[in-house]
Amino acid sequence: MKIDKQLISKLEHLARLELSDQEAARLMGDLNSILEMVEKLQELDTSEIEPLVYINEDVNVLREDVIEGQVGREEALRNAPDHDDAHFKAPKVIDL
C-alpha cells in the first residue's frame, strides 16, 4: 500500500486539518516510511515465538497494610479552631 495525494487529502478532511502542499508532501513521505518499516517487519518469521503477555516476569509484591503513626482523637482536636469532644466544627458552606 502506498500513500498518495488523494489519501492525504481524505485524511486531511477527516482530521479537519488544513495542510500546505509542503506539509502534505512531508506527511506522505513519513507515512510511506512507516508502512515500509511495517512491511519489513512482516518478513520476519515469528512462528516459533511465544506471544508476549507481559514485558518482564516481575511479580507485583504487595506489602501488608499496617496501621502506623495514628493520632489520637484528643491530639487531633487539640489544634482545631472549633470542635466538640468528638468532631471538628466548620462553618456551613452551602446556603439553601
C-alpha atoms as a PDB file:
ATOM      1  CA  MET A   1       0.000   0.000   0.000  1.00  0.00           C
ATOM      2  CA  LYS A   2       1.322   3.411  -0.921  1.00  0.00           C
ATOM      3  CA  ILE A   3       0.177   6.716   0.469  1.00  0.00           C
ATOM      4  CA  ASP A   4      -0.780   9.120  -2.318  1.00  0.00           C
ATOM      5  CA  LYS A   5      -2.066  12.706  -2.520  1.00  0.00           C
ATOM      6  CA  GLN A   6      -5.671  11.520  -2.676  1.00  0.00           C
ATOM      7  CA  LEU A   7      -5.362   9.616   0.620  1.00  0.00           C
ATOM      8  CA  ILE A   8      -3.593  12.566   2.273  1.00  0.00           C
ATOM      9  CA  SER A   9      -6.432  14.827   1.107  1.00  0.00           C
ATOM     10  CA  LYS A  10      -9.013  12.429   2.560  1.00  0.00           C
ATOM     11  CA  LEU A  11      -7.134  12.192   5.879  1.00  0.00           C
ATOM     12  CA  GLU A  12      -6.811  15.978   5.940  1.00  0.00           C
ATOM     13  CA  HIS A  13     -10.579  16.295   5.569  1.00  0.00           C
ATOM     14  CA  LEU A  14     -11.365  13.644   8.193  1.00  0.00           C
ATOM     15  CA  ALA A  15      -8.974  15.188  10.722  1.00  0.00           C
ATOM     16  CA  ARG A  16     -10.245  18.690   9.930  1.00  0.00           C
ATOM     17  CA  LEU A  17      -6.737  19.846   9.050  1.00  0.00           C
ATOM     18  CA  GLU A  18      -5.528  22.381   6.552  1.00  0.00           C
ATOM     19  CA  LEU A  19      -2.119  21.310   5.304  1.00  0.00           C
ATOM     20  CA  SER A  20       0.098  23.234   2.944  1.00  0.00           C
ATOM     21  CA  ASP A  21       1.500  21.394  -0.076  1.00  0.00           C
ATOM     22  CA  GLN A  22       4.860  21.147   1.702  1.00  0.00           C
ATOM     23  CA  GLU A  23       3.282  19.689   4.876  1.00  0.00           C
ATOM     24  CA  ALA A  24       1.213  17.216   2.834  1.00  0.00           C
ATOM     25  CA  ALA A  25       4.323  16.065   0.942  1.00  0.00           C
ATOM     26  CA  ARG A  26       6.254  15.620   4.197  1.00  0.00           C
ATOM     27  CA  LEU A  27       3.347  13.702   5.770  1.00  0.00           C
ATOM     28  CA  MET A  28       3.100  11.481   2.696  1.00  0.00           C
ATOM     29  CA  GLY A  29       6.811  10.675   2.921  1.00  0.00           C
ATOM     30  CA  ASP A  30       6.609   9.960   6.672  1.00  0.00           C
ATOM     31  CA  LEU A  31       3.599   7.673   6.307  1.00  0.00           C
ATOM     32  CA  ASN A  32       5.206   5.800   3.409  1.00  0.00           C
ATOM     33  CA  SER A  33       8.348   5.296   5.538  1.00  0.00           C
ATOM     34  CA  ILE A  34       6.245   3.893   8.363  1.00  0.00           C
ATOM     35  CA  LEU A  35       4.462   1.493   6.007  1.00  0.00           C
ATOM     36  CA  GLU A  36       7.791   0.328   4.557  1.00  0.00           C
ATOM     37  CA  MET A  37       9.069  -0.389   8.070  1.00  0.00           C
ATOM     38  CA  VAL A  38       5.928  -2.386   8.902  1.00  0.00           C
ATOM     39  CA  GLU A  39       6.263  -4.363   5.663  1.00  0.00           C
ATOM     40  CA  LYS A  40       9.872  -5.135   6.551  1.00  0.00           C
ATOM     41  CA  LEU A  41       8.786  -6.393   9.987  1.00  0.00           C
ATOM     42  CA  GLN A  42       6.169  -8.622   8.327  1.00  0.00           C
ATOM     43  CA  GLU A  43       9.001 -10.541   6.650  1.00  0.00           C
ATOM     44  CA  LEU A  44      10.216 -11.917   9.995  1.00  0.00           C
ATOM     45  CA  ASP A  45       9.353 -15.500  10.853  1.00  0.00           C
ATOM     46  CA  THR A  46       7.584 -15.375  14.215  1.00  0.00           C
ATOM     47  CA  SER A  47       6.098 -18.870  14.141  1.00  0.00           C
ATOM     48  CA  GLU A  48       8.497 -20.110  16.852  1.00  0.00           C
ATOM     49  CA  ILE A  49       7.999 -17.116  19.147  1.00  0.00           C
ATOM     50  CA  GLU A  50       5.547 -17.275  22.007  1.00  0.00           C
ATOM     51  CA  PRO A  51       3.209 -14.256  22.206  1.00  0.00           C
ATOM     52  CA  LEU A  52       4.271 -11.687  24.793  1.00  0.00           C
ATOM     53  CA  VAL A  53       1.766 -11.012  27.540  1.00  0.00           C
ATOM     54  CA  TYR A  54       3.956  -9.034  29.931  1.00  0.00           C
ATOM     55  CA  ILE A  55       7.137  -7.065  29.278  1.00  0.00           C
ATOM     56  CA  ASN A  56       9.008  -8.712  32.143  1.00  0.00           C
ATOM     57  CA  GLU A  57       8.449 -11.561  34.555  1.00  0.00           C
ATOM     58  CA  ASP A  58       8.425  -9.448  37.728  1.00  0.00           C
ATOM     59  CA  VAL A  59       5.542 -10.005  40.088  1.00  0.00           C
ATOM     60  CA  ASN A  60       3.987  -7.118  41.956  1.00  0.00           C
ATOM     61  CA  VAL A  61       4.713  -7.797  45.596  1.00  0.00           C
ATOM     62  CA  LEU A  62       2.218  -6.064  47.824  1.00  0.00           C
ATOM     63  CA  ARG A  63       3.008  -5.313  51.428  1.00  0.00           C
ATOM     64  CA  GLU A  64       0.630  -5.932  54.279  1.00  0.00           C
ATOM     65  CA  ASP A  65      -1.402  -2.930  55.388  1.00  0.00           C
ATOM     66  CA  VAL A  66      -0.072  -1.888  58.753  1.00  0.00           C
ATOM     67  CA  ILE A  67      -1.527   1.000  60.705  1.00  0.00           C
ATOM     68  CA  GLU A  68       1.285   3.318  61.714  1.00  0.00           C
ATOM     69  CA  GLY A  69       1.543   6.819  63.084  1.00  0.00           C
ATOM     70  CA  GLN A  70      -2.041   7.134  64.233  1.00  0.00           C
ATOM     71  CA  VAL A  71      -3.024  10.298  66.055  1.00  0.00           C
ATOM     72  CA  GLY A  72      -5.445  10.035  68.924  1.00  0.00           C
ATOM     73  CA  ARG A  73      -8.725  11.965  68.914  1.00  0.00           C
ATOM     74  CA  GLU A  74      -7.699  14.366  71.669  1.00  0.00           C
ATOM     75  CA  GLU A  75      -4.378  15.112  69.994  1.00  0.00           C
ATOM     76  CA  ALA A  76      -6.057  15.682  66.605  1.00  0.00           C
ATOM     77  CA  LEU A  77      -8.658  18.029  68.069  1.00  0.00           C
ATOM     78  CA  ARG A  78      -6.125  19.939  70.180  1.00  0.00           C
ATOM     79  CA  ASN A  79      -5.163  22.378  67.382  1.00  0.00           C
ATOM     80  CA  ALA A  80      -8.619  22.617  65.796  1.00  0.00           C
ATOM     81  CA  PRO A  81     -10.041  26.152  65.903  1.00  0.00           C
ATOM     82  CA  ASP A  82     -13.514  24.828  66.813  1.00  0.00           C
ATOM     83  CA  HIS A  83     -14.561  21.365  67.949  1.00  0.00           C
ATOM     84  CA  ASP A  84     -16.697  19.480  70.401  1.00  0.00           C
ATOM     85  CA  ASP A  85     -15.410  16.414  72.225  1.00  0.00           C
ATOM     86  CA  ALA A  86     -15.542  14.147  69.177  1.00  0.00           C
ATOM     87  CA  HIS A  87     -15.721  16.205  65.944  1.00  0.00           C
ATOM     88  CA  PHE A  88     -14.201  19.131  64.092  1.00  0.00           C
ATOM     89  CA  LYS A  89     -16.647  22.011  63.645  1.00  0.00           C
ATOM     90  CA  ALA A  90     -16.645  24.079  60.498  1.00  0.00           C
ATOM     91  CA  PRO A  91     -18.859  26.880  59.244  1.00  0.00           C
ATOM     92  CA  LYS A  92     -21.754  25.987  56.982  1.00  0.00           C
ATOM     93  CA  VAL A  93     -20.612  26.073  53.356  1.00  0.00           C
ATOM     94  CA  ILE A  94     -23.858  25.623  51.443  1.00  0.00           C
ATOM     95  CA  ASP A  95     -26.637  28.185  51.709  1.00  0.00           C
ATOM     96  CA  LEU A  96     -30.089  26.883  50.786  1.00  0.00           C
END
